Amino acid sequence: TAAVFALVCGLGGMKRIPGLCLILVSVNLVLDIVANVINHPIEAGINQYYINDAVRKLESVPGLTVIGVTGSYGKTSVKFYLQTLLQEKYNVLVTPESFNTPMGVVRTIRHVGDIKEICDMVHPDHGVITSIGPQHLETFFNMENIQKTKFELADALPEGGMLFLNGDNDYIQQQAASP
């Protein structure tokens, strides 16, 4: 950009600077789009490699019990409460801070959009739905979508898996009562 700018100024003078700036901004916008189109499949492939590796690591641990925790709020607190309670008797690994995305879970499993995606990866044995609220309406658009998405954890549990629900939450009561 600097070389083109210097060349145009040298050949055409200062009067060409506004047009040059317009051209350079336009070219940069197009180059950003091209770079994203090229990088997307590469990035997806890299992420898939790490997801596959995390799944392999989980499958290599005999007797592993996975507890999934979801909710509009309270996930991180419940996760750390469970860690505190369970570590007295079991080896416990939790995602640090609020790493609640598929890649956050992958990063934790490899430590040495979408609950279904995480469940397909980690296969929870039990689950906790802490809350359902309007915190994510901008991405889910309505409460029904939020309810259905949070209950993907329930759908992913195996037969005999236990689901713990916050009975004080109206949205959870409503979704649990629906067929």
Protein backbone atom coordinates (compact mmCIF):
# COMPACT_ATOMS: atom_id res chain seq x y z
CA THR A 1 0.00 0.00 0.00
CA ALA A 2 2.79 2.42 0.91
CA ALA A 3 4.68 1.66 -2.31
CA VAL A 4 1.57 2.23 -4.46
CA PHE A 5 0.81 5.42 -2.55
CA ALA A 6 4.36 6.75 -3.08
CA LEU A 7 4.32 5.80 -6.77
CA VAL A 8 1.00 7.54 -7.47
CA CYS A 9 2.03 10.65 -5.54
CA GLY A 10 5.32 10.74 -7.41
CA LEU A 11 3.75 10.33 -10.83
CA GLY A 12 0.44 12.13 -10.41
CA GLY A 13 0.99 14.55 -7.59
CA MET A 14 -1.15 15.33 -4.57
CA LYS A 15 -4.34 15.77 -6.59
CA ARG A 16 -4.54 11.99 -7.09
CA ILE A 17 -4.55 11.16 -3.36
CA PRO A 18 -8.37 11.11 -2.81
CA GLY A 19 -8.92 8.71 -5.72
CA LEU A 20 -5.99 6.58 -4.63
CA CYS A 21 -7.36 6.33 -1.09
CA LEU A 22 -10.73 5.20 -2.44
CA ILE A 23 -9.08 2.53 -4.59
CA LEU A 24 -6.86 1.29 -1.74
CA VAL A 25 -9.77 1.02 0.71
CA SER A 26 -11.85 -0.85 -1.88
CA VAL A 27 -9.01 -3.26 -2.66
CA ASN A 28 -8.43 -3.92 1.06
CA LEU A 29 -12.11 -4.74 1.59
CA VAL A 30 -12.08 -7.19 -1.31
CA LEU A 31 -8.81 -8.75 -0.08
CA ASP A 32 -10.31 -9.24 3.40
CA ILE A 33 -13.28 -11.08 1.92
CA VAL A 34 -11.03 -13.25 -0.28
CA ALA A 35 -8.78 -14.06 2.69
CA ASN A 36 -11.80 -15.12 4.78
CA VAL A 37 -13.16 -17.31 1.98
CA ILE A 38 -9.76 -19.00 1.61
CA ASN A 39 -9.18 -19.36 5.37
CA HIS A 40 -12.61 -20.69 6.34
CA PRO A 41 -12.19 -24.28 5.08
CA ILE A 42 -8.63 -24.39 6.39
CA GLU A 43 -9.76 -23.21 9.82
CA ALA A 44 -12.68 -25.66 9.81
CA GLY A 45 -10.30 -28.50 8.97
CA ILE A 46 -7.93 -27.55 11.78
CA ASN A 47 -10.84 -27.31 14.26
CA GLN A 48 -12.13 -30.71 13.13
CA TYR A 49 -8.69 -32.26 13.68
CA TYR A 50 -8.70 -31.01 17.28
CA ILE A 51 -12.31 -32.12 17.82
CA ASN A 52 -11.47 -35.62 16.54
CA ASP A 53 -8.40 -35.73 18.78
CA ALA A 54 -10.47 -34.66 21.80
CA VAL A 55 -13.09 -37.33 21.06
CA ARG A 56 -10.31 -39.93 20.78
CA LYS A 57 -8.90 -38.85 24.15
CA LEU A 58 -12.33 -39.09 25.80
CA GLU A 59 -12.95 -42.54 24.33
CA SER A 60 -9.59 -43.73 25.65
CA VAL A 61 -10.57 -43.10 29.28
CA PRO A 62 -12.30 -46.18 30.73
CA GLY A 63 -15.21 -45.56 33.09
CA LEU A 64 -15.42 -41.86 32.29
CA THR A 65 -18.60 -40.14 33.48
CA VAL A 66 -19.49 -36.87 31.76
CA ILE A 67 -21.89 -34.37 33.30
CA GLY A 68 -23.21 -31.70 30.95
CA VAL A 69 -24.27 -28.35 32.38
CA THR A 70 -26.26 -25.78 30.42
CA GLY A 71 -28.45 -22.80 31.12
CA SER A 72 -28.91 -19.15 30.32
CA TYR A 73 -27.04 -18.31 33.52
CA GLY A 74 -25.45 -20.21 36.42
CA LYS A 75 -23.47 -22.70 34.30
CA THR A 76 -20.03 -21.72 35.54
CA SER A 77 -21.09 -21.61 39.20
CA VAL A 78 -22.77 -25.03 39.01
CA LYS A 79 -19.75 -26.45 37.20
CA PHE A 80 -17.43 -25.32 39.99
CA TYR A 81 -19.86 -26.49 42.73
CA LEU A 82 -19.89 -29.94 41.13
CA GLN A 83 -16.10 -29.92 40.88
CA THR A 84 -15.78 -29.07 44.57
CA LEU A 85 -18.25 -31.76 45.62
CA LEU A 86 -17.03 -34.53 43.33
CA GLN A 87 -13.28 -34.05 43.66
CA GLU A 88 -13.45 -35.40 47.22
CA LYS A 89 -13.99 -38.87 45.73
CA TYR A 90 -13.23 -38.66 41.99
CA ASN A 91 -10.68 -37.26 39.58
CA VAL A 92 -12.50 -34.28 38.10
CA LEU A 93 -11.74 -32.18 35.04
CA VAL A 94 -13.80 -29.09 34.25
CA THR A 95 -13.48 -26.52 31.52
CA PRO A 96 -11.67 -23.48 32.93
CA GLU A 97 -13.44 -20.16 33.41
CA SER A 98 -16.39 -20.10 31.01
CA PHE A 99 -15.02 -22.18 28.11
CA ASN A 100 -18.47 -23.41 27.11
CA THR A 101 -18.06 -23.58 23.33
CA PRO A 102 -17.07 -26.68 21.33
CA MET A 103 -13.50 -25.39 20.93
CA GLY A 104 -13.38 -24.46 24.63
CA VAL A 105 -14.33 -28.02 25.53
CA VAL A 106 -11.79 -29.33 23.00
CA ARG A 107 -9.08 -27.11 24.49
CA THR A 108 -9.81 -28.49 27.96
CA ILE A 109 -9.88 -32.13 26.85
CA ARG A 110 -6.60 -31.65 25.01
CA HIS A 111 -5.24 -29.90 28.12
CA VAL A 112 -1.75 -32.05 28.08
CA GLY A 113 -22.85 -23.23 17.90
CA ASP A 114 -24.37 -25.41 19.97
CA ILE A 115 -25.24 -27.78 22.80
CA LYS A 116 -25.98 -30.67 20.45
CA GLU A 117 -22.52 -30.33 18.88
CA ILE A 118 -20.86 -30.48 22.29
CA CYS A 119 -23.07 -33.42 23.35
CA ASP A 120 -22.25 -35.27 20.12
CA MET A 121 -18.60 -34.80 20.99
CA VAL A 122 -18.55 -35.60 24.73
CA HIS A 123 -21.64 -37.87 25.14
CA PRO A 124 -22.80 -36.73 28.58
CA ASP A 125 -24.04 -39.38 30.99
CA HIS A 126 -25.98 -36.91 33.13
CA GLY A 127 -27.07 -33.31 32.76
CA VAL A 128 -28.01 -30.16 34.62
CA ILE A 129 -30.14 -27.35 33.19
CA THR A 130 -29.56 -24.41 35.53
CA SER A 131 -31.87 -21.82 34.03
CA ILE A 132 -33.59 -20.57 30.92
CA GLY A 133 -33.98 -16.85 30.39
CA PRO A 134 -33.96 -14.14 27.73
CA GLN A 135 -30.17 -13.59 27.87
CA HIS A 136 -29.59 -14.71 24.26
CA LEU A 137 -32.65 -13.43 22.44
CA GLU A 138 -30.48 -11.57 19.91
CA THR A 139 -29.16 -14.88 18.56
CA PHE A 140 -32.07 -17.23 19.34
CA PHE A 141 -34.85 -14.74 18.36
CA ASN A 142 -37.49 -16.12 20.77
CA MET A 143 -37.83 -17.96 24.07
CA GLU A 144 -39.09 -21.15 22.41
CA ASN A 145 -35.78 -21.50 20.52
CA ILE A 146 -33.83 -20.93 23.74
CA GLN A 147 -35.90 -23.57 25.55
CA LYS A 148 -35.50 -26.14 22.77
CA THR A 149 -31.76 -25.52 22.52
CA LYS A 150 -31.15 -25.87 26.27
CA PHE A 151 -33.13 -29.12 26.28
CA GLU A 152 -30.83 -30.58 23.59
CA LEU A 153 -28.80 -31.70 26.59
CA ALA A 154 -31.77 -33.76 27.81
CA ASP A 155 -32.19 -35.28 24.34
CA ALA A 156 -28.53 -36.32 24.31
CA LEU A 157 -28.59 -38.27 27.57
CA PRO A 158 -28.50 -42.06 27.36
CA GLU A 159 -31.19 -44.27 28.82
CA GLY A 160 -30.66 -44.24 32.57
CA GLY A 161 -28.94 -40.85 32.45
CA MET A 162 -30.13 -38.42 35.08
CA LEU A 163 -31.28 -34.91 34.21
CA PHE A 164 -31.39 -32.31 36.98
CA LEU A 165 -33.66 -29.33 36.37
CA ASN A 166 -34.13 -26.05 38.19
CA GLY A 167 -37.75 -26.45 39.26
CA ASP A 168 -38.00 -22.78 40.20
CA ASN A 169 -37.53 -21.64 36.60
CA ASP A 170 -40.83 -21.13 34.74
CA TYR A 171 -39.29 -21.70 31.30
CA ILE A 172 -37.78 -25.01 32.43
CA GLN A 173 -41.09 -26.12 33.96
CA GLN A 174 -42.88 -25.18 30.74
CA GLN A 175 -40.44 -27.07 28.48
CA ALA A 176 -40.30 -30.11 30.77
CA ALA A 177 -44.10 -30.35 30.68
CA SER A 178 -44.31 -30.21 26.89
CA PRO A 179 -44.30 -33.50 24.93
